Amino acid sequence: MEEYKYLDELEAKSIYLIREAHNFYKDKLVMLWSIGKDSTTLLWLIKKAFVGDVPIPVMHIDTSYKFPQMYEFRDRIAKEWGLNLIVARNEDALKAGMNPKKGKLACCTALKTEALKMAMKKYGFEALLVGIRRDEHSIRAKERYISPRDQNFQWDYKNQPPEFWDQYNMEKTTPEEHFRIHPLLHWREIDIWRYIKRERIPVVDMYFAKNGYRFRSLGCMPCTKPIKSDADTIDKIIEEIEKSKTSERAGRAQDKENAYMMQKLRVLGYM
């Protein structure tokens, strides 16, 4: 599709970062898969980077509150693409009754951040490939492609390493530190959908409108609401985004509850 030719440049930069990270970290690298459109696009880019293979383990942080369609999609794609899928859950927190009613900050910290901490320690991972974009949320606009986290998983967004001329520092300064690597940081929501159309990437069907509603962003069931929409095809979704004046994450509770909620969560280690 000639009108989407600019996507080649976005793709090339992402694949470069993926290959550099894999070359540097080897078996200490894992990709985080939320099952959403962005992380599934990142997964597709990994396949392209390694000629159809996915040599990097894929981890899903499972809160147990995802939509059934997301679990079905996860298991089907993992089987079809031959993924080394790791499902990480904070079973102790779930048994203790942690749930979204305890508060979004407490719930996300326990069921996402703490689950990730435990999984990284268990498997010995030192770097994460994460499918976030700068345009998705104002706090994510402060990110770098290579983003260090300290021994407590905390992010100092006021003190980040410079990145010039595609030169990225992946050397840890302490043994306990780890890196978040963001190959999609330069993409926009509309770029993702145009790329999904061009590459024919499968996505969860909840993104397509049914009975006048669709999901623009996917998360946990209690915290994610659909938007009014008749966009039941990728072309209609692209057209809708081109005209939309609302935030992509307008249906996500952690963004609405408090203006600084996402910043608090990310400082504490949330994706």
C-alpha atoms as a PDB file:
ATOM      1  CA  MET A   1       0.000   0.000   0.000  1.00  0.00           C
ATOM      2  CA  GLU A   2       1.867   3.022  -1.310  1.00  0.00           C
ATOM      3  CA  GLU A   3       0.066   5.513   0.962  1.00  0.00           C
ATOM      4  CA  TYR A   4       1.491   3.676   3.983  1.00  0.00           C
ATOM      5  CA  LYS A   5       5.061   3.616   2.684  1.00  0.00           C
ATOM      6  CA  TYR A   6       6.249   5.788   5.603  1.00  0.00           C
ATOM      7  CA  LEU A   7       5.561   2.796   7.858  1.00  0.00           C
ATOM      8  CA  ASP A   8       8.727   1.183   6.479  1.00  0.00           C
ATOM      9  CA  GLU A   9      10.819   3.738   8.352  1.00  0.00           C
ATOM     10  CA  LEU A  10       8.929   3.173  11.604  1.00  0.00           C
ATOM     11  CA  GLU A  11       9.270  -0.577  11.161  1.00  0.00           C
ATOM     12  CA  ALA A  12      13.003  -0.387  10.421  1.00  0.00           C
ATOM     13  CA  LYS A  13      13.749   1.622  13.575  1.00  0.00           C
ATOM     14  CA  SER A  14      11.731  -0.799  15.719  1.00  0.00           C
ATOM     15  CA  ILE A  15      13.412  -3.859  14.243  1.00  0.00           C
ATOM     16  CA  TYR A  16      16.836  -2.266  14.787  1.00  0.00           C
ATOM     17  CA  LEU A  17      16.049  -1.779  18.493  1.00  0.00           C
ATOM     18  CA  ILE A  18      14.699  -5.316  18.845  1.00  0.00           C
ATOM     19  CA  ARG A  19      17.793  -6.853  17.276  1.00  0.00           C
ATOM     20  CA  GLU A  20      20.155  -4.670  19.323  1.00  0.00           C
ATOM     21  CA  ALA A  21      18.387  -5.641  22.550  1.00  0.00           C
ATOM     22  CA  HIS A  22      18.429  -9.335  21.671  1.00  0.00           C
ATOM     23  CA  ASN A  23      22.090  -9.213  20.719  1.00  0.00           C
ATOM     24  CA  PHE A  24      23.016  -7.456  23.959  1.00  0.00           C
ATOM     25  CA  TYR A  25      20.857  -9.347  26.472  1.00  0.00           C
ATOM     26  CA  LYS A  26      20.361 -12.700  24.727  1.00  0.00           C
ATOM     27  CA  ASP A  27      18.476 -15.061  27.107  1.00  0.00           C
ATOM     28  CA  LYS A  28      18.071 -12.289  29.720  1.00  0.00           C
ATOM     29  CA  LEU A  29      15.517 -10.506  27.514  1.00  0.00           C
ATOM     30  CA  VAL A  30      11.734 -10.996  27.620  1.00  0.00           C
ATOM     31  CA  MET A  31       8.844  -9.322  25.807  1.00  0.00           C
ATOM     32  CA  LEU A  32       5.755  -8.197  27.735  1.00  0.00           C
ATOM     33  CA  TRP A  33       2.537  -9.061  25.896  1.00  0.00           C
ATOM     34  CA  SER A  34      -0.630  -7.364  27.150  1.00  0.00           C
ATOM     35  CA  ILE A  35      -2.666  -8.982  24.314  1.00  0.00           C
ATOM     36  CA  GLY A  36      -3.578  -5.494  23.030  1.00  0.00           C
ATOM     37  CA  LYS A  37      -2.983  -4.115  19.550  1.00  0.00           C
ATOM     38  CA  ASP A  38       0.350  -2.436  20.386  1.00  0.00           C
ATOM     39  CA  SER A  39       2.049  -5.380  22.063  1.00  0.00           C
ATOM     40  CA  THR A  40       0.706  -7.738  19.376  1.00  0.00           C
ATOM     41  CA  THR A  41       2.213  -5.416  16.765  1.00  0.00           C
ATOM     42  CA  LEU A  42       5.502  -5.552  18.692  1.00  0.00           C
ATOM     43  CA  LEU A  43       5.275  -9.337  18.666  1.00  0.00           C
ATOM     44  CA  TRP A  44       4.772  -9.235  14.890  1.00  0.00           C
ATOM     45  CA  LEU A  45       7.841  -6.999  14.533  1.00  0.00           C
ATOM     46  CA  ILE A  46       9.894  -9.532  16.488  1.00  0.00           C
ATOM     47  CA  LYS A  47       8.762 -12.189  14.023  1.00  0.00           C
ATOM     48  CA  LYS A  48       9.877  -9.973  11.136  1.00  0.00           C
ATOM     49  CA  ALA A  49      13.174  -9.169  12.852  1.00  0.00           C
ATOM     50  CA  PHE A  50      14.017 -12.879  13.067  1.00  0.00           C
ATOM     51  CA  VAL A  51      12.528 -14.084   9.784  1.00  0.00           C
ATOM     52  CA  GLY A  52       9.355 -15.628  11.169  1.00  0.00           C
ATOM     53  CA  ASP A  53      10.843 -16.904  14.432  1.00  0.00           C
ATOM     54  CA  VAL A  54      10.260 -15.522  17.944  1.00  0.00           C
ATOM     55  CA  PRO A  55      13.473 -16.347  19.848  1.00  0.00           C
ATOM     56  CA  ILE A  56      12.500 -14.105  22.769  1.00  0.00           C
ATOM     57  CA  PRO A  57      10.255 -15.415  25.591  1.00  0.00           C
ATOM     58  CA  VAL A  58       6.857 -13.715  25.751  1.00  0.00           C
ATOM     59  CA  MET A  59       5.378 -12.890  29.147  1.00  0.00           C
ATOM     60  CA  HIS A  60       1.760 -12.077  29.950  1.00  0.00           C
ATOM     61  CA  ILE A  61       1.174 -10.484  33.351  1.00  0.00           C
ATOM     62  CA  ASP A  62      -2.202 -12.017  34.160  1.00  0.00           C
ATOM     63  CA  THR A  63      -4.290 -10.179  36.744  1.00  0.00           C
ATOM     64  CA  SER A  64      -7.071 -12.769  36.293  1.00  0.00           C
ATOM     65  CA  TYR A  65      -9.408  -9.901  35.371  1.00  0.00           C
ATOM     66  CA  LYS A  66      -8.853  -9.840  31.612  1.00  0.00           C
ATOM     67  CA  PHE A  67     -11.680 -10.377  29.144  1.00  0.00           C
ATOM     68  CA  PRO A  68     -12.351 -13.991  28.030  1.00  0.00           C
ATOM     69  CA  GLN A  69     -11.723 -12.956  24.411  1.00  0.00           C
ATOM     70  CA  MET A  70      -8.214 -11.830  25.386  1.00  0.00           C
ATOM     71  CA  TYR A  71      -7.349 -15.174  26.980  1.00  0.00           C
ATOM     72  CA  GLU A  72      -8.683 -17.043  23.949  1.00  0.00           C
ATOM     73  CA  PHE A  73      -6.636 -14.844  21.610  1.00  0.00           C
ATOM     74  CA  ARG A  74      -3.498 -15.235  23.742  1.00  0.00           C
ATOM     75  CA  ASP A  75      -3.626 -19.020  23.792  1.00  0.00           C
ATOM     76  CA  ARG A  76      -4.508 -19.331  20.111  1.00  0.00           C
ATOM     77  CA  ILE A  77      -1.745 -17.002  18.863  1.00  0.00           C
ATOM     78  CA  ALA A  78       0.816 -18.522  21.244  1.00  0.00           C
ATOM     79  CA  LYS A  79       0.098 -21.946  19.714  1.00  0.00           C
ATOM     80  CA  GLU A  80      -0.034 -20.755  16.098  1.00  0.00           C
ATOM     81  CA  TRP A  81       3.178 -18.715  16.344  1.00  0.00           C
ATOM     82  CA  GLY A  82       5.078 -21.220  18.506  1.00  0.00           C
ATOM     83  CA  LEU A  83       5.676 -18.760  21.345  1.00  0.00           C
ATOM     84  CA  ASN A  84       7.583 -19.506  24.514  1.00  0.00           C
ATOM     85  CA  LEU A  85       4.740 -18.071  26.606  1.00  0.00           C
ATOM     86  CA  ILE A  86       5.161 -17.309  30.299  1.00  0.00           C
ATOM     87  CA  VAL A  87       2.012 -16.466  32.267  1.00  0.00           C
ATOM     88  CA  ALA A  88       2.879 -14.599  35.464  1.00  0.00           C
ATOM     89  CA  ARG A  89       0.380 -14.065  38.306  1.00  0.00           C
ATOM     90  CA  ASN A  90       0.670 -12.823  41.856  1.00  0.00           C
ATOM     91  CA  GLU A  91      -1.203 -15.765  43.329  1.00  0.00           C
ATOM     92  CA  ASP A  92      -0.621 -14.687  46.935  1.00  0.00           C
ATOM     93  CA  ALA A  93      -2.224 -11.296  46.315  1.00  0.00           C
ATOM     94  CA  LEU A  94      -5.170 -12.888  44.515  1.00  0.00           C
ATOM     95  CA  LYS A  95      -5.699 -15.381  47.340  1.00  0.00           C
ATOM     96  CA  ALA A  96      -5.607 -12.484  49.808  1.00  0.00           C
ATOM     97  CA  GLY A  97      -8.480 -10.856  47.917  1.00  0.00           C
ATOM     98  CA  MET A  98      -6.726  -8.158  45.914  1.00  0.00           C
ATOM     99  CA  ASN A  99      -9.061  -6.758  43.281  1.00  0.00           C
ATOM    100  CA  PRO A 100      -9.908  -3.423  41.571  1.00  0.00           C
ATOM    101  CA  LYS A 101     -12.305  -2.492  44.384  1.00  0.00           C
ATOM    102  CA  LYS A 102      -9.254  -2.062  46.634  1.00  0.00           C
ATOM    103  CA  GLY A 103      -8.256   0.926  44.484  1.00  0.00           C
ATOM    104  CA  LYS A 104      -6.615   1.098  41.080  1.00  0.00           C
ATOM    105  CA  LEU A 105      -3.185   2.045  42.440  1.00  0.00           C
ATOM    106  CA  ALA A 106      -3.120  -0.802  44.963  1.00  0.00           C
ATOM    107  CA  CYS A 107      -4.530  -3.332  42.492  1.00  0.00           C
ATOM    108  CA  CYS A 108      -2.212  -2.500  39.586  1.00  0.00           C
ATOM    109  CA  THR A 109       0.788  -2.436  41.917  1.00  0.00           C
ATOM    110  CA  ALA A 110       0.001  -5.851  43.405  1.00  0.00           C
ATOM    111  CA  LEU A 111      -1.300  -7.700  40.345  1.00  0.00           C
ATOM    112  CA  LYS A 112       0.926  -6.146  37.670  1.00  0.00           C
ATOM    113  CA  THR A 113       4.084  -4.583  39.104  1.00  0.00           C
ATOM    114  CA  GLU A 114       4.635  -7.108  41.902  1.00  0.00           C
ATOM    115  CA  ALA A 115       3.775 -10.008  39.591  1.00  0.00           C
ATOM    116  CA  LEU A 116       6.390  -8.718  37.146  1.00  0.00           C
ATOM    117  CA  LYS A 117       8.996  -8.359  39.897  1.00  0.00           C
ATOM    118  CA  MET A 118       8.470 -11.954  40.988  1.00  0.00           C
ATOM    119  CA  ALA A 119       8.604 -13.292  37.433  1.00  0.00           C
ATOM    120  CA  MET A 120      11.808 -11.407  36.588  1.00  0.00           C
ATOM    121  CA  LYS A 121      13.474 -12.753  39.708  1.00  0.00           C
ATOM    122  CA  LYS A 122      12.262 -16.286  39.006  1.00  0.00           C
ATOM    123  CA  TYR A 123      13.475 -16.356  35.380  1.00  0.00           C
ATOM    124  CA  GLY A 124      16.483 -14.051  35.720  1.00  0.00           C
ATOM    125  CA  PHE A 125      15.415 -11.481  33.120  1.00  0.00           C
ATOM    126  CA  GLU A 126      17.349  -8.199  32.974  1.00  0.00           C
ATOM    127  CA  ALA A 127      15.521  -6.355  30.196  1.00  0.00           C
ATOM    128  CA  LEU A 128      11.941  -6.049  28.964  1.00  0.00           C
ATOM    129  CA  LEU A 129      10.624  -5.262  25.502  1.00  0.00           C
ATOM    130  CA  VAL A 130       7.481  -3.187  26.061  1.00  0.00           C
ATOM    131  CA  GLY A 131       4.991  -1.965  23.439  1.00  0.00           C
ATOM    132  CA  ILE A 132       4.253   1.547  24.705  1.00  0.00           C
ATOM    133  CA  ARG A 133       3.972   4.680  22.526  1.00  0.00           C
ATOM    134  CA  ARG A 134       4.693   8.322  23.366  1.00  0.00           C
ATOM    135  CA  ASP A 135       1.335   9.535  22.045  1.00  0.00           C
ATOM    136  CA  GLU A 136      -0.643   7.091  24.197  1.00  0.00           C
ATOM    137  CA  HIS A 137      -0.360   9.013  27.461  1.00  0.00           C
ATOM    138  CA  SER A 138       1.382  12.209  28.597  1.00  0.00           C
ATOM    139  CA  ILE A 139       3.575  10.390  31.140  1.00  0.00           C
ATOM    140  CA  ARG A 140       4.756   7.973  28.445  1.00  0.00           C
ATOM    141  CA  ALA A 141       5.847  10.962  26.366  1.00  0.00           C
ATOM    142  CA  LYS A 142       8.649  11.407  28.922  1.00  0.00           C
ATOM    143  CA  GLU A 143      10.129   7.985  28.136  1.00  0.00           C
ATOM    144  CA  ARG A 144      13.333   7.058  26.336  1.00  0.00           C
ATOM    145  CA  TYR A 145      13.828   4.054  24.046  1.00  0.00           C
ATOM    146  CA  ILE A 146      16.169   2.529  26.624  1.00  0.00           C
ATOM    147  CA  SER A 147      14.789   3.273  30.084  1.00  0.00           C
ATOM    148  CA  PRO A 148      16.506   2.129  33.303  1.00  0.00           C
ATOM    149  CA  ARG A 149      14.645   1.009  36.441  1.00  0.00           C
ATOM    150  CA  ASP A 150      16.363   0.712  39.819  1.00  0.00           C
ATOM    151  CA  GLN A 151      16.421  -2.246  42.208  1.00  0.00           C
ATOM    152  CA  ASN A 152      12.951  -1.278  43.452  1.00  0.00           C
ATOM    153  CA  PHE A 153      11.599  -1.086  39.866  1.00  0.00           C
ATOM    154  CA  GLN A 154      11.252   2.666  40.274  1.00  0.00           C
ATOM    155  CA  TRP A 155      11.597   5.070  37.345  1.00  0.00           C
ATOM    156  CA  ASP A 156      13.290   8.442  37.754  1.00  0.00           C
ATOM    157  CA  TYR A 157      11.671  10.267  34.847  1.00  0.00           C
ATOM    158  CA  LYS A 158      13.588  13.454  35.724  1.00  0.00           C
ATOM    159  CA  ASN A 159      16.944  11.740  35.264  1.00  0.00           C
ATOM    160  CA  GLN A 160      17.080   9.712  32.059  1.00  0.00           C
ATOM    161  CA  PRO A 161      20.029   8.902  29.796  1.00  0.00           C
ATOM    162  CA  PRO A 162      20.443  10.960  26.601  1.00  0.00           C
ATOM    163  CA  GLU A 163      19.958   9.253  23.240  1.00  0.00           C
ATOM    164  CA  PHE A 164      21.762  10.666  20.222  1.00  0.00           C
ATOM    165  CA  TRP A 165      22.162   9.346  16.662  1.00  0.00           C
ATOM    166  CA  ASP A 166      20.597   5.972  17.454  1.00  0.00           C
ATOM    167  CA  GLN A 167      23.263   5.239  20.041  1.00  0.00           C
ATOM    168  CA  TYR A 168      21.726   3.484  23.044  1.00  0.00           C
ATOM    169  CA  ASN A 169      23.380   2.586  26.329  1.00  0.00           C
ATOM    170  CA  MET A 170      22.200  -0.812  27.606  1.00  0.00           C
ATOM    171  CA  GLU A 171      24.930  -1.258  30.207  1.00  0.00           C
ATOM    172  CA  LYS A 172      23.604  -1.651  33.738  1.00  0.00           C
ATOM    173  CA  THR A 173      25.147   0.529  36.442  1.00  0.00           C
ATOM    174  CA  THR A 174      24.161  -1.862  39.261  1.00  0.00           C
ATOM    175  CA  PRO A 175      23.444  -5.629  39.246  1.00  0.00           C
ATOM    176  CA  GLU A 176      19.887  -5.026  40.499  1.00  0.00           C
ATOM    177  CA  GLU A 177      18.970  -2.551  37.763  1.00  0.00           C
ATOM    178  CA  HIS A 178      16.949  -3.550  34.702  1.00  0.00           C
ATOM    179  CA  PHE A 179      15.981  -1.852  31.449  1.00  0.00           C
ATOM    180  CA  ARG A 180      12.669  -1.241  29.715  1.00  0.00           C
ATOM    181  CA  ILE A 181      13.153  -1.155  25.942  1.00  0.00           C
ATOM    182  CA  HIS A 182      10.428   0.566  23.908  1.00  0.00           C
ATOM    183  CA  PRO A 183      10.616  -0.257  20.173  1.00  0.00           C
ATOM    184  CA  LEU A 184       7.216   1.369  19.437  1.00  0.00           C
ATOM    185  CA  LEU A 185       7.877   4.681  21.165  1.00  0.00           C
ATOM    186  CA  HIS A 186       7.884   6.650  17.879  1.00  0.00           C
ATOM    187  CA  TRP A 187       4.621   5.145  16.584  1.00  0.00           C
ATOM    188  CA  ARG A 188       1.165   6.734  16.840  1.00  0.00           C
ATOM    189  CA  GLU A 189      -2.164   4.993  17.339  1.00  0.00           C
ATOM    190  CA  ILE A 190      -3.094   5.537  13.698  1.00  0.00           C
ATOM    191  CA  ASP A 191       0.282   4.165  12.569  1.00  0.00           C
ATOM    192  CA  ILE A 192      -0.406   0.970  14.496  1.00  0.00           C
ATOM    193  CA  TRP A 193      -3.757   0.492  12.777  1.00  0.00           C
ATOM    194  CA  ARG A 194      -2.367   1.291   9.348  1.00  0.00           C
ATOM    195  CA  TYR A 195       0.414  -1.221   9.966  1.00  0.00           C
ATOM    196  CA  ILE A 196      -2.060  -3.843  11.203  1.00  0.00           C
ATOM    197  CA  LYS A 197      -4.005  -3.343   7.976  1.00  0.00           C
ATOM    198  CA  ARG A 198      -0.918  -3.524   5.759  1.00  0.00           C
ATOM    199  CA  GLU A 199       0.599  -6.547   7.493  1.00  0.00           C
ATOM    200  CA  ARG A 200      -2.721  -8.283   8.225  1.00  0.00           C
ATOM    201  CA  ILE A 201      -1.838  -8.681  11.887  1.00  0.00           C
ATOM    202  CA  PRO A 202      -4.508 -10.495  13.940  1.00  0.00           C
ATOM    203  CA  VAL A 203      -6.005  -8.574  16.877  1.00  0.00           C
ATOM    204  CA  VAL A 204      -8.670  -9.274  19.497  1.00  0.00           C
ATOM    205  CA  ASP A 205     -12.082  -8.792  17.883  1.00  0.00           C
ATOM    206  CA  MET A 206     -13.193  -6.504  20.733  1.00  0.00           C
ATOM    207  CA  TYR A 207     -11.565  -3.648  18.813  1.00  0.00           C
ATOM    208  CA  PHE A 208     -14.304  -3.929  16.171  1.00  0.00           C
ATOM    209  CA  ALA A 209     -17.706  -2.383  16.828  1.00  0.00           C
ATOM    210  CA  LYS A 210     -20.698  -4.513  17.774  1.00  0.00           C
ATOM    211  CA  ASN A 211     -24.124  -3.062  18.606  1.00  0.00           C
ATOM    212  CA  GLY A 212     -22.757   0.471  18.428  1.00  0.00           C
ATOM    213  CA  TYR A 213     -19.754   0.011  20.744  1.00  0.00           C
ATOM    214  CA  ARG A 214     -16.118  -1.057  20.512  1.00  0.00           C
ATOM    215  CA  PHE A 215     -13.003  -1.048  22.656  1.00  0.00           C
ATOM    216  CA  ARG A 216     -10.307   1.403  21.702  1.00  0.00           C
ATOM    217  CA  SER A 217      -7.951   0.235  24.446  1.00  0.00           C
ATOM    218  CA  LEU A 218      -7.954  -3.106  26.301  1.00  0.00           C
ATOM    219  CA  GLY A 219      -7.249  -3.739  29.964  1.00  0.00           C
ATOM    220  CA  CYS A 220      -8.900  -5.478  32.901  1.00  0.00           C
ATOM    221  CA  MET A 221     -12.676  -5.931  32.744  1.00  0.00           C
ATOM    222  CA  PRO A 222     -13.598  -3.759  35.772  1.00  0.00           C
ATOM    223  CA  CYS A 223     -11.363  -0.905  34.574  1.00  0.00           C
ATOM    224  CA  THR A 224     -12.055  -0.800  30.830  1.00  0.00           C
ATOM    225  CA  LYS A 225     -15.154   0.507  29.089  1.00  0.00           C
ATOM    226  CA  PRO A 226     -16.114   0.526  25.400  1.00  0.00           C
ATOM    227  CA  ILE A 227     -16.699   3.683  23.377  1.00  0.00           C
ATOM    228  CA  LYS A 228     -19.619   4.487  21.112  1.00  0.00           C
ATOM    229  CA  SER A 229     -18.611   3.493  17.607  1.00  0.00           C
ATOM    230  CA  ASP A 230     -19.803   1.916  14.388  1.00  0.00           C
ATOM    231  CA  ALA A 231     -16.238   1.130  13.257  1.00  0.00           C
ATOM    232  CA  ASP A 232     -16.470  -2.595  12.552  1.00  0.00           C
ATOM    233  CA  THR A 233     -13.563  -2.792  10.082  1.00  0.00           C
ATOM    234  CA  ILE A 234      -9.944  -1.630  10.153  1.00  0.00           C
ATOM    235  CA  ASP A 235     -10.667   0.978   7.476  1.00  0.00           C
ATOM    236  CA  LYS A 236     -13.480   2.411   9.599  1.00  0.00           C
ATOM    237  CA  ILE A 237     -11.273   2.407  12.702  1.00  0.00           C
ATOM    238  CA  ILE A 238      -8.586   4.342  10.826  1.00  0.00           C
ATOM    239  CA  GLU A 239     -11.162   6.843   9.604  1.00  0.00           C
ATOM    240  CA  GLU A 240     -12.580   7.200  13.117  1.00  0.00           C
ATOM    241  CA  ILE A 241      -9.145   7.874  14.632  1.00  0.00           C
ATOM    242  CA  GLU A 242      -8.383  10.462  11.967  1.00  0.00           C
ATOM    243  CA  LYS A 243     -11.479  12.412  13.074  1.00  0.00           C
ATOM    244  CA  SER A 244     -11.433  11.679  16.818  1.00  0.00           C
ATOM    245  CA  LYS A 245     -10.742  14.377  19.405  1.00  0.00           C
ATOM    246  CA  THR A 246     -10.947  12.043  22.429  1.00  0.00           C
ATOM    247  CA  SER A 247      -8.077  10.305  24.188  1.00  0.00           C
ATOM    248  CA  GLU A 248      -7.252   6.756  23.199  1.00  0.00           C
ATOM    249  CA  ARG A 249      -7.340   5.697  26.853  1.00  0.00           C
ATOM    250  CA  ALA A 250     -10.547   7.556  27.716  1.00  0.00           C
ATOM    251  CA  GLY A 251     -12.113   4.234  28.701  1.00  0.00           C
ATOM    252  CA  ARG A 252      -9.342   3.239  31.151  1.00  0.00           C
ATOM    253  CA  ALA A 253     -10.213   3.826  34.810  1.00  0.00           C
ATOM    254  CA  GLN A 254      -6.674   4.396  36.082  1.00  0.00           C
ATOM    255  CA  ASP A 255      -6.366   7.402  33.781  1.00  0.00           C
ATOM    256  CA  LYS A 256      -9.700   8.949  34.747  1.00  0.00           C
ATOM    257  CA  GLU A 257      -9.494   8.404  38.509  1.00  0.00           C
ATOM    258  CA  ASN A 258      -6.605  10.779  39.113  1.00  0.00           C
ATOM    259  CA  ALA A 259      -4.608  13.078  36.846  1.00  0.00           C
ATOM    260  CA  TYR A 260      -1.382  11.703  38.324  1.00  0.00           C
ATOM    261  CA  MET A 261      -2.443   8.056  38.594  1.00  0.00           C
ATOM    262  CA  MET A 262      -0.473   6.848  35.576  1.00  0.00           C
ATOM    263  CA  GLN A 263       2.604   8.781  36.658  1.00  0.00           C
ATOM    264  CA  LYS A 264       2.413   7.238  40.142  1.00  0.00           C
ATOM    265  CA  LEU A 265       1.986   3.770  38.681  1.00  0.00           C
ATOM    266  CA  ARG A 266       4.872   4.123  36.228  1.00  0.00           C
ATOM    267  CA  VAL A 267       7.229   5.579  38.844  1.00  0.00           C
ATOM    268  CA  LEU A 268       6.484   2.453  40.902  1.00  0.00           C
ATOM    269  CA  GLY A 269       7.215   0.103  37.990  1.00  0.00           C
ATOM    270  CA  TYR A 270       3.968  -0.167  35.992  1.00  0.00           C
ATOM    271  CA  MET A 271       4.226  -0.447  32.205  1.00  0.00           C
END
